[in-house]
């Protein structure tokens, strides 16, 4: 997994040991199972067939969101969100906490040195009777000082228990970093989708407003024809229904636009400049570039969620080593060295310095099988992590396959809907002209107007879906050169 930050850079540093402590930093063996490569539980190539179209055979390039999202307004929104989004701040805090936990665990592999010191002063003299008899009392001052440097029960990691726990925490830290990358990737995609949704709702609002204007003209004409006795009241009522429905759609679309802005502000983490929003979906259909899928499904291994699952699998593997090492005796060392003097003036005199050391070993005789059960528990958790890793790959493969299937057919559907809008527009123009000339009834004009309205809305939806499909492929293939 070459694209994940931190892999292979942490936890692999060799410790420089002092010659004076050869036993304290003794290299430990590891009882953890060897990390082995997991075969991909998915086909090696993407699906093919009529639904998928012709796929490029080029390997997936390293890209950045600026290459995929070419519109400068969308780029600006994503750049702002990367600075101010609260979910990203939470993810960053989780990474910092995981890093600190790894450092805490790794510190247990080193001896802990504690220093302490104390000083005292006392004065003693003769009693008052002696002072009265001799005319003066006698007194004696005494000072004492002690200093100690101690090692608090340092465990010799002969069987790699502490090292395995450190590796487990290291991989959990790296998993948290992959989780942060997943948040970044999802954030860029969510902003692009919300931005496209706003553009689509803006187009739908324009369509509803045009329909409202046409309905108002139809109502006025029908009312005039009714007053002239050449149109029935039913024509007026039908025209008024179209007008009321169009006005309801206008109100609904205004609400949707306001909610789109609210969604963008939540994602960005601050108020959104209206100048960064598009006016209609037609002007942003080319704002999201096509991303080549590549035939080799191993590109899924760089997805942040897949990388996170792999690190958690490695952590579970290390936990097995820690559980196995717990079956063996634990050997601990304690040491103390310092100096003490009963008088400050003789602080460094001969005999003032002293040292001591001790070692102990413990081995559980009877724990009712708890240690062996702990090994079995860690093995079961490793099996669950392995299944989770494989499932993450399978979900990623399904995401990409679904995106490719939609990309292979959506252009044909878009072209068909454009032709439908052209035909419906011409049909409505002819029906409206016939009605105005009195050669056809209002029902034909009404049906033609409804067909045009629905065709226009369908075209807006498919154009938004086509752009969102490219966003989905960007997210499902995973990886961004900006965050490598």
Protein backbone atom coordinates (compact mmCIF):
# COMPACT_ATOMS: atom_id res chain seq x y z
CA UNK A 1 0.00 0.00 0.00
CA UNK A 2 2.44 2.56 -1.17
CA UNK A 3 0.13 5.58 -1.05
CA UNK A 4 -0.66 5.58 2.65
CA UNK A 5 1.23 8.14 4.73
CA UNK A 6 3.45 6.81 7.46
CA UNK A 7 3.64 3.24 6.30
CA UNK A 8 7.08 1.81 6.88
CA UNK A 9 8.36 5.03 8.41
CA UNK A 10 7.22 4.62 12.00
CA UNK A 11 8.07 1.84 14.37
CA UNK A 12 10.97 0.64 12.28
CA UNK A 13 13.76 2.73 13.84
CA UNK A 14 16.51 0.77 15.57
CA UNK A 15 17.24 1.76 19.14
CA UNK A 16 20.75 2.85 20.01
CA UNK A 17 21.57 1.09 23.26
CA UNK A 18 24.12 2.04 25.82
CA UNK A 19 26.87 -0.44 26.63
CA UNK A 20 26.02 -0.02 30.30
CA UNK A 21 22.55 -1.49 29.90
CA UNK A 22 22.98 -4.59 27.74
CA UNK A 23 20.19 -6.52 29.44
CA UNK A 24 17.73 -3.69 29.77
CA UNK A 25 17.30 -3.17 26.03
CA UNK A 26 17.62 -6.80 25.05
CA UNK A 27 16.19 -7.52 21.62
CA UNK A 28 12.98 -9.49 21.81
CA UNK A 29 11.68 -12.28 19.66
CA UNK A 30 8.17 -11.95 18.26
CA UNK A 31 5.43 -14.55 18.63
CA UNK A 32 3.05 -12.72 16.31
CA UNK A 33 2.04 -14.52 13.09
CA UNK A 34 3.86 -13.27 10.03
CA UNK A 35 1.91 -10.69 8.00
CA UNK A 36 1.01 -12.39 4.74
CA UNK A 37 -0.42 -10.93 1.59
CA UNK A 38 -4.16 -11.43 1.22
CA UNK A 39 -5.38 -12.39 -2.22
CA UNK A 40 -7.94 -10.07 -3.76
CA UNK A 41 -11.43 -11.53 -3.15
CA UNK A 42 -12.63 -9.91 -6.40
CA UNK A 43 -11.92 -10.45 -10.12
CA UNK A 44 -8.67 -9.02 -11.42
CA UNK A 45 -10.48 -6.91 -14.04
CA UNK A 46 -13.59 -4.76 -14.07
CA UNK A 47 -16.83 -6.19 -15.48
CA UNK A 48 -17.38 -5.91 -19.21
CA UNK A 49 -20.46 -6.08 -21.37
CA UNK A 50 -23.05 -3.92 -23.07
CA UNK A 51 -23.74 -1.86 -19.94
CA UNK A 52 -20.10 -0.97 -19.33
CA UNK A 53 -19.05 0.36 -22.71
CA UNK A 54 -15.44 0.43 -23.86
CA UNK A 55 -13.05 0.94 -20.94
CA UNK A 56 -9.55 2.28 -21.23
CA UNK A 57 -6.77 -0.16 -20.42
CA UNK A 58 -4.50 2.52 -19.03
CA UNK A 59 -3.49 2.21 -15.39
CA UNK A 60 -5.21 4.63 -13.08
CA UNK A 61 -3.07 7.77 -12.81
CA UNK A 62 -2.35 9.67 -9.63
CA UNK A 63 -4.73 12.61 -9.71
CA UNK A 64 -5.76 15.51 -7.53
CA UNK A 65 -9.22 16.90 -7.03
CA UNK A 66 -8.21 19.96 -9.06
CA UNK A 67 -7.73 17.75 -12.11
CA UNK A 68 -11.10 16.07 -11.69
CA UNK A 69 -13.08 19.15 -10.63
CA UNK A 70 -11.98 21.70 -13.20
CA UNK A 71 -14.37 24.55 -12.35
CA UNK A 72 -12.51 27.18 -10.31
CA UNK A 73 -15.59 27.85 -8.18
CA UNK A 74 -15.84 24.23 -7.09
CA UNK A 75 -12.09 24.09 -6.50
CA UNK A 76 -12.34 27.12 -4.24
CA UNK A 77 -15.13 25.55 -2.17
CA UNK A 78 -13.18 22.32 -1.71
CA UNK A 79 -10.01 24.20 -0.74
CA UNK A 80 -11.96 26.18 1.87
CA UNK A 81 -13.52 23.01 3.27
CA UNK A 82 -10.12 21.35 3.67
CA UNK A 83 -9.23 24.21 6.01
CA UNK A 84 -12.47 24.70 7.94
CA UNK A 85 -14.57 21.51 7.83
CA UNK A 86 -15.29 20.24 11.35
CA UNK A 87 -15.35 16.56 10.40
CA UNK A 88 -11.80 16.92 9.16
CA UNK A 89 -10.81 18.56 12.44
CA UNK A 90 -12.34 15.66 14.35
CA UNK A 91 -10.45 13.19 12.14
CA UNK A 92 -7.20 15.10 12.68
CA UNK A 93 -7.75 15.04 16.45
CA UNK A 94 -8.37 11.28 16.29
CA UNK A 95 -5.07 10.85 14.42
CA UNK A 96 -3.25 12.90 17.05
CA UNK A 97 -4.81 10.82 19.84
CA UNK A 98 -3.86 7.57 18.10
CA UNK A 99 -0.30 8.81 17.58
CA UNK A 100 -0.04 9.71 21.27
CA UNK A 101 -1.42 6.31 22.30
CA UNK A 102 1.21 4.62 20.15
CA UNK A 103 3.96 6.69 21.77
CA UNK A 104 2.60 5.83 25.24
CA UNK A 105 2.60 2.12 24.45
CA UNK A 106 6.06 2.23 22.87
CA UNK A 107 7.47 4.00 25.93
CA UNK A 108 6.78 0.82 27.92
CA UNK A 109 9.64 -0.83 26.03
CA UNK A 110 12.15 1.53 27.65
CA UNK A 111 13.17 1.81 31.30
CA UNK A 112 11.53 4.54 33.32
CA UNK A 113 14.04 6.55 35.33
CA UNK A 114 12.85 8.46 38.37
CA UNK A 115 14.97 10.85 40.41
CA UNK A 116 14.24 11.99 43.92
CA UNK A 117 16.06 13.96 46.55
CA UNK A 118 15.54 15.27 50.06
CA UNK A 119 17.30 17.57 52.46
CA UNK A 120 16.82 18.13 56.17
CA UNK A 121 18.20 20.33 58.91
CA UNK A 122 17.86 19.93 62.68
CA UNK A 123 19.28 21.70 65.70
CA UNK A 124 19.54 20.30 69.23
CA UNK A 125 20.75 21.98 72.43
CA UNK A 126 21.07 21.51 76.22
CA UNK A 127 18.06 21.95 78.47
CA UNK A 128 17.22 25.13 80.37
CA UNK A 129 18.68 23.81 83.66
CA UNK A 130 22.05 23.25 82.06
CA UNK A 131 21.87 26.68 80.58
CA UNK A 132 21.18 28.19 84.00
CA UNK A 133 24.03 26.37 85.72
CA UNK A 134 26.68 27.13 83.20
CA UNK A 135 25.38 30.49 82.17
CA UNK A 136 25.05 29.38 78.57
CA UNK A 137 23.38 26.51 76.70
CA UNK A 138 25.06 24.23 74.18
CA UNK A 139 23.48 23.32 70.82
CA UNK A 140 24.39 21.19 67.85
CA UNK A 141 23.21 21.56 64.22
CA UNK A 142 22.80 18.55 61.91
CA UNK A 143 22.03 18.52 58.18
CA UNK A 144 21.18 15.56 55.92
CA UNK A 145 20.74 15.11 52.18
CA UNK A 146 19.86 12.16 49.94
CA UNK A 147 19.43 11.67 46.21
CA UNK A 148 18.20 8.60 44.33
CA UNK A 149 17.91 7.51 40.70
CA UNK A 150 15.70 4.50 40.21
CA UNK A 151 14.32 2.20 37.50
CA UNK A 152 10.73 1.25 38.24
CA UNK A 153 10.11 -2.42 37.55
CA UNK A 154 11.24 -2.50 33.91
CA UNK A 155 10.04 -5.60 32.03
CA UNK A 156 12.55 -7.48 29.90
CA UNK A 157 10.61 -8.05 26.69
CA UNK A 158 12.16 -11.46 25.96
CA UNK A 159 9.08 -12.81 24.17
CA UNK A 160 8.00 -9.64 22.38
CA UNK A 161 4.82 -8.91 24.33
CA UNK A 162 5.49 -5.18 24.60
CA UNK A 163 6.83 -4.99 21.04
CA UNK A 164 3.66 -6.65 19.73
CA UNK A 165 1.47 -4.22 21.65
CA UNK A 166 3.50 -1.34 20.22
CA UNK A 167 3.04 -2.65 16.68
CA UNK A 168 -0.67 -2.99 17.28
CA UNK A 169 -0.95 0.64 18.40
CA UNK A 170 1.27 1.76 15.53
CA UNK A 171 -1.06 0.14 13.02
CA UNK A 172 -4.11 1.61 14.73
CA UNK A 173 -2.47 5.02 14.40
CA UNK A 174 -1.85 4.41 10.69
CA UNK A 175 -5.46 3.23 10.35
CA UNK A 176 -6.64 6.52 11.85
CA UNK A 177 -4.54 8.39 9.26
CA UNK A 178 -6.22 6.39 6.51
CA UNK A 179 -9.59 7.22 8.07
CA UNK A 180 -8.69 10.91 7.85
CA UNK A 181 -7.89 10.49 4.18
CA UNK A 182 -11.25 8.79 3.71
CA UNK A 183 -12.94 11.82 5.31
CA UNK A 184 -11.04 14.13 2.93
CA UNK A 185 -12.03 12.07 -0.09
CA UNK A 186 -15.67 11.91 0.97
CA UNK A 187 -15.69 15.62 1.74
CA UNK A 188 -14.48 16.58 -1.74
CA UNK A 189 -17.11 14.33 -3.30
CA UNK A 190 -19.90 15.58 -1.02
CA UNK A 191 -19.13 19.21 -1.85
CA UNK A 192 -19.12 18.42 -5.57
CA UNK A 193 -22.47 16.64 -5.26
CA UNK A 194 -24.00 19.48 -3.23
CA UNK A 195 -22.67 22.03 -5.71
CA UNK A 196 -24.20 20.07 -8.61
CA UNK A 197 -27.47 19.73 -6.70
CA UNK A 198 -27.64 23.51 -6.30
CA UNK A 199 -27.03 24.00 -10.03
CA UNK A 200 -29.72 21.43 -10.88
CA UNK A 201 -32.24 23.03 -8.51
CA UNK A 202 -31.45 26.40 -10.06
CA UNK A 203 -32.34 24.97 -13.48
CA UNK A 204 -35.49 23.35 -12.11
CA UNK A 205 -36.49 26.69 -10.61
CA UNK A 206 -36.03 28.38 -13.99
CA UNK A 207 -38.16 25.69 -15.66
CA UNK A 208 -40.90 26.10 -13.03
CA UNK A 209 -40.83 29.88 -13.45
CA UNK A 210 -41.11 29.57 -17.25
CA UNK A 211 -44.00 27.15 -16.81
CA UNK A 212 -45.64 29.59 -14.38
CA UNK A 213 -45.31 32.42 -16.91
CA UNK A 214 -46.81 30.27 -19.68
CA UNK A 215 -49.65 29.19 -17.37
CA UNK A 216 -50.41 32.81 -16.51
CA UNK A 217 -50.70 33.65 -20.21
CA UNK A 218 -52.92 30.61 -20.74
CA UNK A 219 -55.17 31.62 -17.84
CA UNK A 220 -55.48 35.17 -19.18
CA UNK A 221 -56.26 33.93 -22.70
CA UNK A 222 -58.75 31.33 -21.48
CA UNK A 223 -60.50 33.88 -19.27
CA UNK A 224 -60.84 36.22 -22.27
CA UNK A 225 -62.18 33.39 -24.44
CA UNK A 226 -64.61 32.43 -21.67
CA UNK A 227 -65.83 36.01 -21.43
CA UNK A 228 -66.30 36.02 -25.22
CA UNK A 229 -68.32 32.84 -25.05
CA UNK A 230 -65.95 30.77 -27.16
CA UNK A 231 -64.38 28.65 -24.37
CA UNK A 232 -65.96 26.57 -21.60
CA UNK A 233 -65.33 27.16 -17.92
CA UNK A 234 -63.55 23.79 -17.71
CA UNK A 235 -60.74 25.19 -19.89
CA UNK A 236 -60.22 28.02 -17.42
CA UNK A 237 -60.17 25.64 -14.46
CA UNK A 238 -57.61 23.40 -16.17
CA UNK A 239 -55.42 26.38 -16.95
CA UNK A 240 -55.69 27.53 -13.33
CA UNK A 241 -54.62 24.05 -12.16
CA UNK A 242 -51.48 24.25 -14.28
CA UNK A 243 -50.75 27.71 -12.89
CA UNK A 244 -51.24 26.61 -9.26
CA UNK A 245 -49.01 23.55 -9.75
CA UNK A 246 -46.28 25.70 -11.33
CA UNK A 247 -46.43 28.18 -8.45
CA UNK A 248 -46.15 25.30 -5.94
CA UNK A 249 -43.11 23.99 -7.82
CA UNK A 250 -41.50 27.44 -7.76
CA UNK A 251 -41.95 27.62 -3.98
CA UNK A 252 -40.59 24.08 -3.59
CA UNK A 253 -37.52 24.82 -5.68
CA UNK A 254 -36.78 27.98 -3.72
CA UNK A 255 -36.82 25.90 -0.57
CA UNK A 256 -34.50 23.34 -2.18
CA UNK A 257 -32.05 26.07 -3.19
CA UNK A 258 -31.94 27.44 0.35
CA UNK A 259 -31.34 23.94 1.71
CA UNK A 260 -28.59 23.34 -0.87
CA UNK A 261 -26.80 26.45 0.38
CA UNK A 262 -27.22 25.27 3.98
CA UNK A 263 -25.73 21.89 3.08
CA UNK A 264 -22.76 23.51 1.37
CA UNK A 265 -22.15 25.82 4.34
CA UNK A 266 -22.13 22.82 6.68
CA UNK A 267 -19.65 20.98 4.47
CA UNK A 268 -17.40 23.99 3.93
CA UNK A 269 -17.61 25.04 7.57
CA UNK A 270 -18.26 28.71 6.86
CA UNK A 271 -20.64 30.93 4.82
CA UNK A 272 -20.51 30.27 1.09
CA UNK A 273 -19.88 33.10 -1.36
CA UNK A 274 -22.89 33.22 -3.76
CA UNK A 275 -20.45 33.98 -6.58
CA UNK A 276 -19.07 30.43 -6.22
CA UNK A 277 -22.44 28.86 -7.09
CA UNK A 278 -23.55 27.92 -10.61
CA UNK A 279 -26.73 29.32 -12.18
CA UNK A 280 -27.81 26.21 -14.10
CA UNK A 281 -26.81 22.60 -14.55
CA UNK A 282 -25.99 23.04 -18.21
CA UNK A 283 -22.97 25.21 -17.45
CA UNK A 284 -21.36 22.68 -15.07
CA UNK A 285 -21.85 19.40 -16.92
CA UNK A 286 -18.21 19.60 -17.99
CA UNK A 287 -16.95 20.69 -14.57
CA UNK A 288 -16.23 17.08 -13.54
CA UNK A 289 -13.72 15.26 -15.74
CA UNK A 290 -13.93 11.59 -16.65
CA UNK A 291 -11.58 9.39 -14.66
CA UNK A 292 -10.11 6.33 -16.41
CA UNK A 293 -10.96 3.21 -14.49
CA UNK A 294 -8.08 0.96 -15.52
CA UNK A 295 -8.49 -2.77 -15.94
CA UNK A 296 -6.43 -3.81 -12.92
CA UNK A 297 -8.66 -3.96 -9.85
CA UNK A 298 -5.60 -3.73 -7.56
CA UNK A 299 -6.01 0.05 -7.73
CA UNK A 300 -8.67 -0.50 -5.05
CA UNK A 301 -5.93 -1.24 -2.52
CA UNK A 302 -5.13 2.47 -2.35
CA UNK A 303 -8.65 3.39 -1.27
CA UNK A 304 -8.42 4.90 2.22
CA UNK A 305 -11.12 2.66 3.69
CA UNK A 306 -9.36 -0.44 2.31
CA UNK A 307 -6.02 0.79 3.69
CA UNK A 308 -7.67 1.40 7.07
CA UNK A 309 -9.03 -2.16 7.11
CA UNK A 310 -5.57 -3.51 6.26
CA UNK A 311 -3.94 -1.63 9.12
CA UNK A 312 -6.59 -2.89 11.54
CA UNK A 313 -5.86 -6.42 10.29
CA UNK A 314 -2.16 -5.90 11.04
CA UNK A 315 -3.03 -4.57 14.50
CA UNK A 316 -5.12 -7.66 15.21
CA UNK A 317 -2.23 -9.85 14.04
CA UNK A 318 0.13 -8.10 16.47
CA UNK A 319 -2.36 -8.64 19.31
CA UNK A 320 -2.00 -12.39 18.76
CA UNK A 321 1.74 -12.05 19.41
CA UNK A 322 1.08 -10.15 22.63
CA UNK A 323 -1.41 -12.79 23.80
CA UNK A 324 1.03 -15.62 23.02
CA UNK A 325 3.86 -13.85 24.82
CA UNK A 326 1.65 -13.54 27.89
CA UNK A 327 1.82 -17.32 28.22
CA UNK A 328 5.52 -17.08 29.11
CA UNK A 329 7.11 -15.75 32.32
CA UNK A 330 7.57 -12.02 32.76
CA UNK A 331 10.97 -10.89 34.02
CA UNK A 332 11.25 -7.45 35.56
CA UNK A 333 14.21 -5.45 36.80
CA UNK A 334 14.31 -2.77 39.44
CA UNK A 335 17.35 -0.69 40.24
CA UNK A 336 18.31 2.11 42.56
CA UNK A 337 21.45 4.16 42.84
CA UNK A 338 22.15 7.34 44.73
CA UNK A 339 24.03 8.90 47.56
CA UNK A 340 23.22 10.11 51.03
CA UNK A 341 25.05 11.97 53.76
CA UNK A 342 24.25 12.93 57.29
CA UNK A 343 25.98 16.24 56.86
CA UNK A 344 25.82 18.62 53.94
CA UNK A 345 29.52 19.31 54.30
CA UNK A 346 30.36 15.65 53.78
CA UNK A 347 27.97 15.10 50.97
CA UNK A 348 30.40 13.40 48.62
CA UNK A 349 32.57 11.74 51.22
CA UNK A 350 33.57 8.11 50.98
CA UNK A 351 30.76 5.74 51.74
CA UNK A 352 28.07 8.23 50.85
CA UNK A 353 27.21 6.58 47.54
CA UNK A 354 25.10 3.41 47.45
CA UNK A 355 23.28 1.34 44.86
CA UNK A 356 21.06 -1.70 44.74
CA UNK A 357 19.32 -3.84 42.16
CA UNK A 358 16.78 -6.61 42.02
CA UNK A 359 15.09 -8.86 39.51
CA UNK A 360 11.95 -10.93 39.71
CA UNK A 361 10.12 -13.34 37.48
CA UNK A 362 6.47 -14.21 37.61
CA UNK A 363 4.63 -17.05 35.92
CA UNK A 364 0.95 -17.78 36.44
CA UNK A 365 0.39 -21.32 37.69
CA UNK A 366 -3.38 -21.50 37.45
CA UNK A 367 -5.71 -19.03 35.74
CA UNK A 368 -8.44 -21.47 34.65
CA UNK A 369 -7.32 -21.23 31.00
CA UNK A 370 -7.65 -17.44 30.80
CA UNK A 371 -4.29 -16.96 29.04
CA UNK A 372 -5.04 -19.57 26.39
CA UNK A 373 -8.53 -18.11 25.95
CA UNK A 374 -6.95 -14.69 25.42
CA UNK A 375 -4.90 -16.14 22.55
CA UNK A 376 -8.02 -17.67 21.02
CA UNK A 377 -9.87 -14.36 21.43
CA UNK A 378 -7.11 -12.45 19.65
CA UNK A 379 -7.08 -15.05 16.86
CA UNK A 380 -10.84 -14.72 16.44
CA UNK A 381 -10.51 -10.93 16.30
CA UNK A 382 -7.81 -11.34 13.63
CA UNK A 383 -10.17 -13.55 11.61
CA UNK A 384 -12.89 -10.92 11.92
CA UNK A 385 -10.45 -8.20 10.83
CA UNK A 386 -9.42 -10.33 7.84
CA UNK A 387 -13.04 -10.77 6.83
CA UNK A 388 -13.58 -7.03 7.28
CA UNK A 389 -10.58 -6.28 5.06
CA UNK A 390 -11.81 -8.60 2.33
CA UNK A 391 -15.30 -7.18 2.56
CA UNK A 392 -13.93 -3.63 2.25
CA UNK A 393 -12.28 -4.68 -1.03
CA UNK A 394 -15.48 -6.32 -2.24
CA UNK A 395 -17.56 -3.24 -1.41
CA UNK A 396 -15.01 -1.06 -3.22
CA UNK A 397 -15.17 -3.34 -6.27
CA UNK A 398 -18.96 -3.17 -6.28
CA UNK A 399 -18.89 0.65 -5.98
CA UNK A 400 -16.59 0.98 -8.97
CA UNK A 401 -18.49 -1.61 -11.01
CA UNK A 402 -21.79 0.17 -10.38
CA UNK A 403 -20.24 3.48 -11.38
CA UNK A 404 -18.81 2.01 -14.57
CA UNK A 405 -22.12 0.38 -15.46
CA UNK A 406 -23.91 3.72 -15.14
CA UNK A 407 -21.20 5.60 -17.02
CA UNK A 408 -21.46 3.14 -19.90
CA UNK A 409 -25.15 3.91 -20.50
CA UNK A 410 -25.84 7.39 -19.20
CA UNK A 411 -24.72 9.24 -22.31
CA UNK A 412 -27.20 7.32 -24.46
CA UNK A 413 -29.98 8.14 -21.99
CA UNK A 414 -28.99 11.81 -21.94
CA UNK A 415 -29.09 12.04 -25.72
CA UNK A 416 -32.50 10.39 -25.79
CA UNK A 417 -33.89 12.83 -23.22
CA UNK A 418 -32.52 15.81 -25.16
CA UNK A 419 -34.39 14.57 -28.22
CA UNK A 420 -37.51 14.11 -26.10
CA UNK A 421 -37.28 17.73 -24.87
CA UNK A 422 -36.90 19.00 -28.44
CA UNK A 423 -39.92 17.01 -29.59
CA UNK A 424 -42.03 18.00 -26.56
CA UNK A 425 -41.13 21.66 -27.01
CA UNK A 426 -42.17 21.61 -30.65
CA UNK A 427 -45.36 19.69 -29.81
CA UNK A 428 -46.36 22.23 -27.16
CA UNK A 429 -45.70 25.16 -29.50
CA UNK A 430 -47.92 23.64 -32.17
CA UNK A 431 -50.69 22.69 -29.73
CA UNK A 432 -50.68 26.14 -28.15
CA UNK A 433 -50.82 27.79 -31.57
CA UNK A 434 -53.77 25.62 -32.63
CA UNK A 435 -55.61 26.47 -29.41
CA UNK A 436 -55.04 30.18 -29.83
CA UNK A 437 -56.38 29.99 -33.38
CA UNK A 438 -59.39 28.05 -32.17
CA UNK A 439 -58.66 24.95 -34.24
CA UNK A 440 -58.04 22.63 -31.27
CA UNK A 441 -59.30 22.29 -27.70
CA UNK A 442 -57.39 23.29 -24.59
CA UNK A 443 -56.87 19.69 -23.46
CA UNK A 444 -54.33 19.07 -26.24
CA UNK A 445 -52.38 22.16 -25.24
CA UNK A 446 -52.56 21.11 -21.59
CA UNK A 447 -51.21 17.62 -22.28
CA UNK A 448 -48.40 19.02 -24.44
CA UNK A 449 -47.43 21.52 -21.75
CA UNK A 450 -47.28 18.84 -19.05
CA UNK A 451 -45.19 16.57 -21.27
CA UNK A 452 -42.73 19.37 -21.97
CA UNK A 453 -42.47 20.26 -18.29
CA UNK A 454 -41.72 16.67 -17.29
CA UNK A 455 -39.24 16.16 -20.12
CA UNK A 456 -37.33 19.29 -19.11
CA UNK A 457 -37.15 18.12 -15.49
CA UNK A 458 -36.00 14.66 -16.56
CA UNK A 459 -33.22 16.17 -18.67
CA UNK A 460 -31.98 18.26 -15.74
CA UNK A 461 -31.98 15.17 -13.51
CA UNK A 462 -30.01 13.05 -15.98
CA UNK A 463 -27.46 15.81 -16.57
CA UNK A 464 -26.93 16.10 -12.83
CA UNK A 465 -26.69 12.30 -12.53
CA UNK A 466 -24.09 12.15 -15.30
CA UNK A 467 -21.87 14.64 -13.45
CA UNK A 468 -22.52 12.91 -10.11
CA UNK A 469 -21.53 9.59 -11.68
CA UNK A 470 -18.07 10.98 -12.40
CA UNK A 471 -17.88 12.24 -8.81
CA UNK A 472 -18.85 8.78 -7.56
CA UNK A 473 -16.09 7.16 -9.63
CA UNK A 474 -13.56 9.63 -8.21
CA UNK A 475 -14.59 8.61 -4.70
CA UNK A 476 -14.98 4.88 -5.29
CA UNK A 477 -11.62 4.45 -7.00
CA UNK A 478 -10.02 6.30 -4.08
CA UNK A 479 -6.74 8.07 -3.75
CA UNK A 480 -5.79 11.66 -4.43
CA UNK A 481 -2.29 12.77 -5.28
CA UNK A 482 -2.85 15.85 -3.13
CA UNK A 483 -3.04 13.68 0.01
CA UNK A 484 -0.49 10.97 -0.77
